[in-house]
């Protein structure tokens, strides 16, 4: 018997960035957050920077305000897709 959590929120967006400090580690296309899991299409990435830590997800707000930032751990980039677990900064 499978248990399904019906209280999971799914959020989607059109683009984001991954940063290592102030440096750009990756530019992301369409992304999705489900629970604490993050996945996205990788538009471009610096392979070395993506292996470093701490990596920070940065999502620009439509109104131009302060971007949303969350830490990324357990990052995997495979065949143009990124998957990771989100953590609080």
PDB file of N, CA and C in Angstrom:
ATOM      1  N   UNK A   1       0.846  -1.177   0.000  1.00  0.00           N
ATOM      2  CA  UNK A   1       0.000   0.000   0.000  1.00  0.00           C
ATOM      3  C   UNK A   1       0.888   1.236   0.000  1.00  0.00           C
ATOM      4  N   UNK A   2       0.642   2.152  -0.905  1.00  0.00           N
ATOM      5  CA  UNK A   2       1.410   3.396  -0.989  1.00  0.00           C
ATOM      6  C   UNK A   2       0.717   4.486  -0.197  1.00  0.00           C
ATOM      7  N   UNK A   3       1.522   5.254   0.497  1.00  0.00           N
ATOM      8  CA  UNK A   3       0.992   6.392   1.246  1.00  0.00           C
ATOM      9  C   UNK A   3       1.329   7.645   0.457  1.00  0.00           C
ATOM     10  N   UNK A   4       0.346   8.457   0.177  1.00  0.00           N
ATOM     11  CA  UNK A   4       0.530   9.686  -0.578  1.00  0.00           C
ATOM     12  C   UNK A   4       0.275  10.861   0.347  1.00  0.00           C
ATOM     13  N   UNK A   5       1.254  11.783   0.411  1.00  0.00           N
ATOM     14  CA  UNK A   5       1.087  12.986   1.218  1.00  0.00           C
ATOM     15  C   UNK A   5       0.319  14.005   0.380  1.00  0.00           C
ATOM     16  N   UNK A   6      -0.915  14.227   0.697  1.00  0.00           N
ATOM     17  CA  UNK A   6      -1.755  15.143  -0.070  1.00  0.00           C
ATOM     18  C   UNK A   6      -1.549  16.594   0.340  1.00  0.00           C
ATOM     19  N   UNK A   7      -0.635  16.858   1.281  1.00  0.00           N
ATOM     20  CA  UNK A   7      -0.389  18.215   1.744  1.00  0.00           C
ATOM     21  C   UNK A   7       0.882  18.815   1.157  1.00  0.00           C
ATOM     22  N   UNK A   8       1.485  18.166   0.186  1.00  0.00           N
ATOM     23  CA  UNK A   8       2.689  18.683  -0.441  1.00  0.00           C
ATOM     24  C   UNK A   8       2.339  19.789  -1.422  1.00  0.00           C
ATOM     25  N   UNK A   9       3.050  20.894  -1.310  1.00  0.00           N
ATOM     26  CA  UNK A   9       2.852  22.024  -2.207  1.00  0.00           C
ATOM     27  C   UNK A   9       3.875  21.948  -3.331  1.00  0.00           C
ATOM     28  N   UNK A  10       3.425  22.188  -4.558  1.00  0.00           N
ATOM     29  CA  UNK A  10       4.312  22.208  -5.714  1.00  0.00           C
ATOM     30  C   UNK A  10       4.365  23.641  -6.236  1.00  0.00           C
ATOM     31  N   UNK A  11       5.586  24.154  -6.407  1.00  0.00           N
ATOM     32  CA  UNK A  11       5.800  25.509  -6.918  1.00  0.00           C
ATOM     33  C   UNK A  11       6.653  25.389  -8.177  1.00  0.00           C
ATOM     34  N   UNK A  12       6.298  26.148  -9.202  1.00  0.00           N
ATOM     35  CA  UNK A  12       7.041  26.120 -10.459  1.00  0.00           C
ATOM     36  C   UNK A  12       7.457  27.531 -10.851  1.00  0.00           C
ATOM     37  N   UNK A  13       8.519  27.618 -11.627  1.00  0.00           N
ATOM     38  CA  UNK A  13       8.987  28.913 -12.097  1.00  0.00           C
ATOM     39  C   UNK A  13       9.694  28.777 -13.432  1.00  0.00           C
ATOM     40  N   UNK A  14      10.014  29.921 -14.024  1.00  0.00           N
ATOM     41  CA  UNK A  14      10.584  29.938 -15.366  1.00  0.00           C
ATOM     42  C   UNK A  14      12.109  29.976 -15.391  1.00  0.00           C
ATOM     43  N   UNK A  15      12.736  30.477 -14.353  1.00  0.00           N
ATOM     44  CA  UNK A  15      14.188  30.586 -14.364  1.00  0.00           C
ATOM     45  C   UNK A  15      14.735  30.902 -12.989  1.00  0.00           C
ATOM     46  N   UNK A  16      16.005  30.579 -12.776  1.00  0.00           N
ATOM     47  CA  UNK A  16      16.669  30.830 -11.501  1.00  0.00           C
ATOM     48  C   UNK A  16      18.173  30.754 -11.735  1.00  0.00           C
ATOM     49  N   UNK A  17      18.933  30.937 -10.667  1.00  0.00           N
ATOM     50  CA  UNK A  17      20.388  30.841 -10.740  1.00  0.00           C
ATOM     51  C   UNK A  17      20.899  30.082  -9.523  1.00  0.00           C
ATOM     52  N   UNK A  18      22.061  29.475  -9.686  1.00  0.00           N
ATOM     53  CA  UNK A  18      22.765  28.864  -8.561  1.00  0.00           C
ATOM     54  C   UNK A  18      24.052  29.656  -8.388  1.00  0.00           C
ATOM     55  N   UNK A  19      24.321  30.055  -7.145  1.00  0.00           N
ATOM     56  CA  UNK A  19      25.514  30.853  -6.868  1.00  0.00           C
ATOM     57  C   UNK A  19      26.412  30.154  -5.861  1.00  0.00           C
ATOM     58  N   UNK A  20      27.708  30.366  -6.047  1.00  0.00           N
ATOM     59  CA  UNK A  20      28.733  29.981  -5.095  1.00  0.00           C
ATOM     60  C   UNK A  20      29.314  31.300  -4.610  1.00  0.00           C
ATOM     61  N   UNK A  21      28.874  31.744  -3.434  1.00  0.00           N
ATOM     62  CA  UNK A  21      29.212  33.098  -3.000  1.00  0.00           C
ATOM     63  C   UNK A  21      28.549  34.076  -3.954  1.00  0.00           C
ATOM     64  N   UNK A  22      29.308  35.017  -4.483  1.00  0.00           N
ATOM     65  CA  UNK A  22      28.756  35.976  -5.451  1.00  0.00           C
ATOM     66  C   UNK A  22      28.887  35.469  -6.882  1.00  0.00           C
ATOM     67  N   UNK A  23      29.622  34.369  -7.091  1.00  0.00           N
ATOM     68  CA  UNK A  23      29.880  33.868  -8.435  1.00  0.00           C
ATOM     69  C   UNK A  23      28.723  33.013  -8.947  1.00  0.00           C
ATOM     70  N   UNK A  24      28.424  33.170 -10.221  1.00  0.00           N
ATOM     71  CA  UNK A  24      27.375  32.377 -10.859  1.00  0.00           C
ATOM     72  C   UNK A  24      27.901  30.976 -11.132  1.00  0.00           C
ATOM     73  N   UNK A  25      27.230  29.961 -10.578  1.00  0.00           N
ATOM     74  CA  UNK A  25      27.618  28.565 -10.801  1.00  0.00           C
ATOM     75  C   UNK A  25      26.769  27.931 -11.896  1.00  0.00           C
ATOM     76  N   UNK A  26      25.501  28.366 -12.013  1.00  0.00           N
ATOM     77  CA  UNK A  26      24.625  27.808 -13.049  1.00  0.00           C
ATOM     78  C   UNK A  26      23.462  28.752 -13.318  1.00  0.00           C
ATOM     79  N   UNK A  27      23.019  28.740 -14.554  1.00  0.00           N
ATOM     80  CA  UNK A  27      21.799  29.419 -14.954  1.00  0.00           C
ATOM     81  C   UNK A  27      20.775  28.326 -15.228  1.00  0.00           C
ATOM     82  N   UNK A  28      19.601  28.473 -14.627  1.00  0.00           N
ATOM     83  CA  UNK A  28      18.574  27.449 -14.728  1.00  0.00           C
ATOM     84  C   UNK A  28      17.375  27.932 -15.531  1.00  0.00           C
ATOM     85  N   UNK A  29      16.739  27.016 -16.211  1.00  0.00           N
ATOM     86  CA  UNK A  29      15.489  27.286 -16.917  1.00  0.00           C
ATOM     87  C   UNK A  29      14.321  26.918 -16.018  1.00  0.00           C
ATOM     88  N   UNK A  30      13.325  26.279 -16.588  1.00  0.00           N
ATOM     89  CA  UNK A  30      12.116  25.903 -15.837  1.00  0.00           C
ATOM     90  C   UNK A  30      12.491  25.060 -14.621  1.00  0.00           C
ATOM     91  N   UNK A  31      11.901  25.398 -13.477  1.00  0.00           N
ATOM     92  CA  UNK A  31      12.207  24.690 -12.235  1.00  0.00           C
ATOM     93  C   UNK A  31      10.931  24.302 -11.500  1.00  0.00           C
ATOM     94  N   UNK A  32      11.112  23.413 -10.502  1.00  0.00           N
ATOM     95  CA  UNK A  32       9.981  22.903  -9.727  1.00  0.00           C
ATOM     96  C   UNK A  32      10.460  22.591  -8.309  1.00  0.00           C
ATOM     97  N   UNK A  33       9.641  22.961  -7.329  1.00  0.00           N
ATOM     98  CA  UNK A  33       9.888  22.601  -5.935  1.00  0.00           C
ATOM     99  C   UNK A  33       8.705  21.772  -5.469  1.00  0.00           C
ATOM    100  N   UNK A  34       9.007  20.599  -4.927  1.00  0.00           N
ATOM    101  CA  UNK A  34       7.971  19.742  -4.353  1.00  0.00           C
ATOM    102  C   UNK A  34       8.487  19.278  -2.997  1.00  0.00           C
ATOM    103  N   UNK A  35       7.868  19.785  -1.945  1.00  0.00           N
ATOM    104  CA  UNK A  35       8.382  19.521  -0.607  1.00  0.00           C
ATOM    105  C   UNK A  35       9.726  20.196  -0.467  1.00  0.00           C
ATOM    106  N   UNK A  36      10.747  19.428  -0.108  1.00  0.00           N
ATOM    107  CA  UNK A  36      12.087  19.996   0.009  1.00  0.00           C
ATOM    108  C   UNK A  36      12.959  19.661  -1.199  1.00  0.00           C
ATOM    109  N   UNK A  37      12.393  19.036  -2.216  1.00  0.00           N
ATOM    110  CA  UNK A  37      13.132  18.666  -3.423  1.00  0.00           C
ATOM    111  C   UNK A  37      13.004  19.743  -4.489  1.00  0.00           C
ATOM    112  N   UNK A  38      14.121  20.077  -5.105  1.00  0.00           N
ATOM    113  CA  UNK A  38      14.186  21.080  -6.161  1.00  0.00           C
ATOM    114  C   UNK A  38      14.709  20.410  -7.417  1.00  0.00           C
ATOM    115  N   UNK A  39      14.095  20.707  -8.562  1.00  0.00           N
ATOM    116  CA  UNK A  39      14.591  20.208  -9.847  1.00  0.00           C
ATOM    117  C   UNK A  39      14.472  21.312 -10.883  1.00  0.00           C
ATOM    118  N   UNK A  40      15.382  21.301 -11.854  1.00  0.00           N
ATOM    119  CA  UNK A  40      15.385  22.358 -12.864  1.00  0.00           C
ATOM    120  C   UNK A  40      16.147  21.911 -14.098  1.00  0.00           C
ATOM    121  N   UNK A  41      15.813  22.551 -15.217  1.00  0.00           N
ATOM    122  CA  UNK A  41      16.586  22.389 -16.443  1.00  0.00           C
ATOM    123  C   UNK A  41      17.824  23.270 -16.330  1.00  0.00           C
ATOM    124  N   UNK A  42      18.973  22.750 -16.710  1.00  0.00           N
ATOM    125  CA  UNK A  42      20.218  23.515 -16.661  1.00  0.00           C
ATOM    126  C   UNK A  42      20.453  24.160 -18.025  1.00  0.00           C
ATOM    127  N   UNK A  43      20.515  25.489 -18.033  1.00  0.00           N
ATOM    128  CA  UNK A  43      20.786  26.232 -19.266  1.00  0.00           C
ATOM    129  C   UNK A  43      22.295  26.285 -19.493  1.00  0.00           C
ATOM    130  N   UNK A  44      23.033  26.621 -18.430  1.00  0.00           N
ATOM    131  CA  UNK A  44      24.501  26.618 -18.476  1.00  0.00           C
ATOM    132  C   UNK A  44      25.014  26.418 -17.065  1.00  0.00           C
ATOM    133  N   UNK A  45      26.216  25.841 -16.965  1.00  0.00           N
ATOM    134  CA  UNK A  45      26.774  25.584 -15.637  1.00  0.00           C
ATOM    135  C   UNK A  45      28.291  25.562 -15.700  1.00  0.00           C
ATOM    136  N   UNK A  46      28.912  25.993 -14.618  1.00  0.00           N
ATOM    137  CA  UNK A  46      30.344  25.877 -14.423  1.00  0.00           C
ATOM    138  C   UNK A  46      30.559  24.580 -13.632  1.00  0.00           C
ATOM    139  N   UNK A  47      31.107  23.561 -14.288  1.00  0.00           N
ATOM    140  CA  UNK A  47      31.223  22.236 -13.681  1.00  0.00           C
ATOM    141  C   UNK A  47      32.009  22.264 -12.376  1.00  0.00           C
ATOM    142  N   UNK A  48      33.067  23.060 -12.294  1.00  0.00           N
ATOM    143  CA  UNK A  48      33.849  23.127 -11.060  1.00  0.00           C
ATOM    144  C   UNK A  48      33.053  23.771  -9.933  1.00  0.00           C
ATOM    145  N   UNK A  49      32.477  24.914 -10.189  1.00  0.00           N
ATOM    146  CA  UNK A  49      31.719  25.608  -9.137  1.00  0.00           C
ATOM    147  C   UNK A  49      30.555  24.772  -8.623  1.00  0.00           C
ATOM    148  N   UNK A  50      29.938  23.996  -9.488  1.00  0.00           N
ATOM    149  CA  UNK A  50      28.793  23.166  -9.072  1.00  0.00           C
ATOM    150  C   UNK A  50      29.205  22.041  -8.125  1.00  0.00           C
ATOM    151  N   UNK A  51      30.505  21.742  -8.020  1.00  0.00           N
ATOM    152  CA  UNK A  51      30.964  20.717  -7.083  1.00  0.00           C
ATOM    153  C   UNK A  51      31.376  21.306  -5.741  1.00  0.00           C
ATOM    154  N   UNK A  52      31.341  22.624  -5.617  1.00  0.00           N
ATOM    155  CA  UNK A  52      31.760  23.297  -4.392  1.00  0.00           C
ATOM    156  C   UNK A  52      30.567  23.543  -3.475  1.00  0.00           C
ATOM    157  N   UNK A  53      30.843  24.048  -2.283  1.00  0.00           N
ATOM    158  CA  UNK A  53      29.752  24.408  -1.370  1.00  0.00           C
ATOM    159  C   UNK A  53      30.185  25.623  -0.553  1.00  0.00           C
ATOM    160  N   UNK A  54      29.267  26.403  -0.069  1.00  0.00           N
ATOM    161  CA  UNK A  54      27.820  26.210  -0.127  1.00  0.00           C
ATOM    162  C   UNK A  54      27.232  26.793  -1.413  1.00  0.00           C
ATOM    163  N   UNK A  55      26.350  26.042  -2.049  1.00  0.00           N
ATOM    164  CA  UNK A  55      25.621  26.522  -3.224  1.00  0.00           C
ATOM    165  C   UNK A  55      24.300  27.130  -2.768  1.00  0.00           C
ATOM    166  N   UNK A  56      23.924  28.217  -3.413  1.00  0.00           N
ATOM    167  CA  UNK A  56      22.699  28.929  -3.049  1.00  0.00           C
ATOM    168  C   UNK A  56      21.820  29.092  -4.285  1.00  0.00           C
ATOM    169  N   UNK A  57      20.570  28.689  -4.162  1.00  0.00           N
ATOM    170  CA  UNK A  57      19.569  28.910  -5.203  1.00  0.00           C
ATOM    171  C   UNK A  57      19.078  30.336  -5.072  1.00  0.00           C
ATOM    172  N   UNK A  58      19.006  31.046  -6.189  1.00  0.00           N
ATOM    173  CA  UNK A  58      18.542  32.434  -6.189  1.00  0.00           C
ATOM    174  C   UNK A  58      17.430  32.576  -7.222  1.00  0.00           C
ATOM    175  N   UNK A  59      16.246  32.939  -6.743  1.00  0.00           N
ATOM    176  CA  UNK A  59      15.088  33.125  -7.617  1.00  0.00           C
ATOM    177  C   UNK A  59      14.719  34.599  -7.605  1.00  0.00           C
ATOM    178  N   UNK A  60      14.782  35.231  -8.768  1.00  0.00           N
ATOM    179  CA  UNK A  60      14.454  36.645  -8.892  1.00  0.00           C
ATOM    180  C   UNK A  60      12.949  36.836  -8.788  1.00  0.00           C
ATOM    181  N   UNK A  61      12.535  37.824  -8.007  1.00  0.00           N
ATOM    182  CA  UNK A  61      11.107  38.128  -7.871  1.00  0.00           C
ATOM    183  C   UNK A  61      10.641  38.984  -9.040  1.00  0.00           C
ATOM    184  N   UNK A  62       9.412  38.774  -9.462  1.00  0.00           N
ATOM    185  CA  UNK A  62       8.855  39.524 -10.607  1.00  0.00           C
ATOM    186  C   UNK A  62       8.862  41.024 -10.368  1.00  0.00           C
ATOM    187  N   UNK A  63       8.632  41.446  -9.113  1.00  0.00           N
ATOM    188  CA  UNK A  63       8.547  42.881  -8.818  1.00  0.00           C
ATOM    189  C   UNK A  63       9.916  43.541  -8.683  1.00  0.00           C
ATOM    190  N   UNK A  64      10.998  42.771  -8.862  1.00  0.00           N
ATOM    191  CA  UNK A  64      12.337  43.334  -8.785  1.00  0.00           C
ATOM    192  C   UNK A  64      12.847  43.482  -7.358  1.00  0.00           C
ATOM    193  N   UNK A  65      12.109  42.993  -6.395  1.00  0.00           N
ATOM    194  CA  UNK A  65      12.523  43.076  -5.004  1.00  0.00           C
ATOM    195  C   UNK A  65      13.652  42.097  -4.698  1.00  0.00           C
ATOM    196  N   UNK A  66      13.928  41.943  -3.432  1.00  0.00           N
ATOM    197  CA  UNK A  66      14.981  41.041  -2.987  1.00  0.00           C
ATOM    198  C   UNK A  66      14.712  39.624  -3.463  1.00  0.00           C
ATOM    199  N   UNK A  67      15.701  38.994  -4.105  1.00  0.00           N
ATOM    200  CA  UNK A  67      15.487  37.626  -4.587  1.00  0.00           C
ATOM    201  C   UNK A  67      15.295  36.648  -3.432  1.00  0.00           C
ATOM    202  N   UNK A  68      14.602  35.565  -3.697  1.00  0.00           N
ATOM    203  CA  UNK A  68      14.449  34.484  -2.737  1.00  0.00           C
ATOM    204  C   UNK A  68      15.703  33.630  -2.811  1.00  0.00           C
ATOM    205  N   UNK A  69      16.286  33.298  -1.654  1.00  0.00           N
ATOM    206  CA  UNK A  69      17.509  32.492  -1.611  1.00  0.00           C
ATOM    207  C   UNK A  69      17.318  31.313  -0.660  1.00  0.00           C
ATOM    208  N   UNK A  70      17.782  30.151  -1.101  1.00  0.00           N
ATOM    209  CA  UNK A  70      17.757  28.932  -0.288  1.00  0.00           C
ATOM    210  C   UNK A  70      19.037  28.154  -0.568  1.00  0.00           C
ATOM    211  N   UNK A  71      19.519  27.464   0.431  1.00  0.00           N
ATOM    212  CA  UNK A  71      20.693  26.628   0.257  1.00  0.00           C
ATOM    213  C   UNK A  71      20.344  25.368  -0.514  1.00  0.00           C
ATOM    214  N   UNK A  72      21.327  24.836  -1.235  1.00  0.00           N
ATOM    215  CA  UNK A  72      21.167  23.588  -1.984  1.00  0.00           C
ATOM    216  C   UNK A  72      22.190  22.573  -1.489  1.00  0.00           C
ATOM    217  N   UNK A  73      21.730  21.370  -1.185  1.00  0.00           N
ATOM    218  CA  UNK A  73      22.623  20.267  -0.820  1.00  0.00           C
ATOM    219  C   UNK A  73      22.222  19.044  -1.633  1.00  0.00           C
ATOM    220  N   UNK A  74      23.099  18.052  -1.640  1.00  0.00           N
ATOM    221  CA  UNK A  74      22.844  16.822  -2.392  1.00  0.00           C
ATOM    222  C   UNK A  74      22.553  17.133  -3.870  1.00  0.00           C
ATOM    223  N   UNK A  75      23.349  18.020  -4.441  1.00  0.00           N
ATOM    224  CA  UNK A  75      23.144  18.488  -5.812  1.00  0.00           C
ATOM    225  C   UNK A  75      23.645  17.448  -6.811  1.00  0.00           C
ATOM    226  N   UNK A  76      22.797  17.131  -7.773  1.00  0.00           N
ATOM    227  CA  UNK A  76      23.147  16.223  -8.869  1.00  0.00           C
ATOM    228  C   UNK A  76      22.771  16.905 -10.177  1.00  0.00           C
ATOM    229  N   UNK A  77      23.725  16.960 -11.100  1.00  0.00           N
ATOM    230  CA  UNK A  77      23.448  17.453 -12.450  1.00  0.00           C
ATOM    231  C   UNK A  77      23.692  16.288 -13.391  1.00  0.00           C
ATOM    232  N   UNK A  78      22.640  15.921 -14.125  1.00  0.00           N
ATOM    233  CA  UNK A  78      22.731  14.772 -15.022  1.00  0.00           C
ATOM    234  C   UNK A  78      21.859  15.026 -16.238  1.00  0.00           C
ATOM    235  N   UNK A  79      22.449  14.899 -17.403  1.00  0.00           N
ATOM    236  CA  UNK A  79      21.755  15.056 -18.686  1.00  0.00           C
ATOM    237  C   UNK A  79      20.915  16.336 -18.728  1.00  0.00           C
ATOM    238  N   UNK A  80      21.520  17.437 -18.336  1.00  0.00           N
ATOM    239  CA  UNK A  80      20.855  18.727 -18.446  1.00  0.00           C
ATOM    240  C   UNK A  80      19.800  19.017 -17.392  1.00  0.00           C
ATOM    241  N   UNK A  81      19.727  18.185 -16.359  1.00  0.00           N
ATOM    242  CA  UNK A  81      18.759  18.390 -15.271  1.00  0.00           C
ATOM    243  C   UNK A  81      19.499  18.474 -13.940  1.00  0.00           C
ATOM    244  N   UNK A  82      19.071  19.385 -13.102  1.00  0.00           N
ATOM    245  CA  UNK A  82      19.613  19.520 -11.758  1.00  0.00           C
ATOM    246  C   UNK A  82      18.574  19.038 -10.770  1.00  0.00           C
ATOM    247  N   UNK A  83      19.005  18.290  -9.767  1.00  0.00           N
ATOM    248  CA  UNK A  83      18.111  17.941  -8.662  1.00  0.00           C
ATOM    249  C   UNK A  83      18.901  18.170  -7.377  1.00  0.00           C
ATOM    250  N   UNK A  84      18.196  18.611  -6.337  1.00  0.00           N
ATOM    251  CA  UNK A  84      18.849  18.920  -5.074  1.00  0.00           C
ATOM    252  C   UNK A  84      17.802  18.983  -3.968  1.00  0.00           C
ATOM    253  N   UNK A  85      18.313  19.055  -2.734  1.00  0.00           N
ATOM    254  CA  UNK A  85      17.447  19.256  -1.583  1.00  0.00           C
ATOM    255  C   UNK A  85      17.637  20.677  -1.107  1.00  0.00           C
ATOM    256  N   UNK A  86      16.524  21.366  -0.820  1.00  0.00           N
ATOM    257  CA  UNK A  86      16.560  22.748  -0.333  1.00  0.00           C
ATOM    258  C   UNK A  86      16.758  22.774   1.176  1.00  0.00           C
ATOM    259  N   UNK A  87      17.564  23.736   1.635  1.00  0.00           N
ATOM    260  CA  UNK A  87      17.741  23.945   3.063  1.00  0.00           C
ATOM    261  C   UNK A  87      17.637  25.440   3.363  1.00  0.00           C
ATOM    262  N   UNK A  88      17.384  25.780   4.605  1.00  0.00           N
ATOM    263  CA  UNK A  88      17.350  27.192   5.016  1.00  0.00           C
ATOM    264  C   UNK A  88      18.771  27.708   5.115  1.00  0.00           C
ATOM    265  N   UNK A  89      18.934  28.993   4.817  1.00  0.00           N
ATOM    266  CA  UNK A  89      20.262  29.623   4.951  1.00  0.00           C
ATOM    267  C   UNK A  89      20.465  30.117   6.357  1.00  0.00           C
TER     268      UNK A  89
END
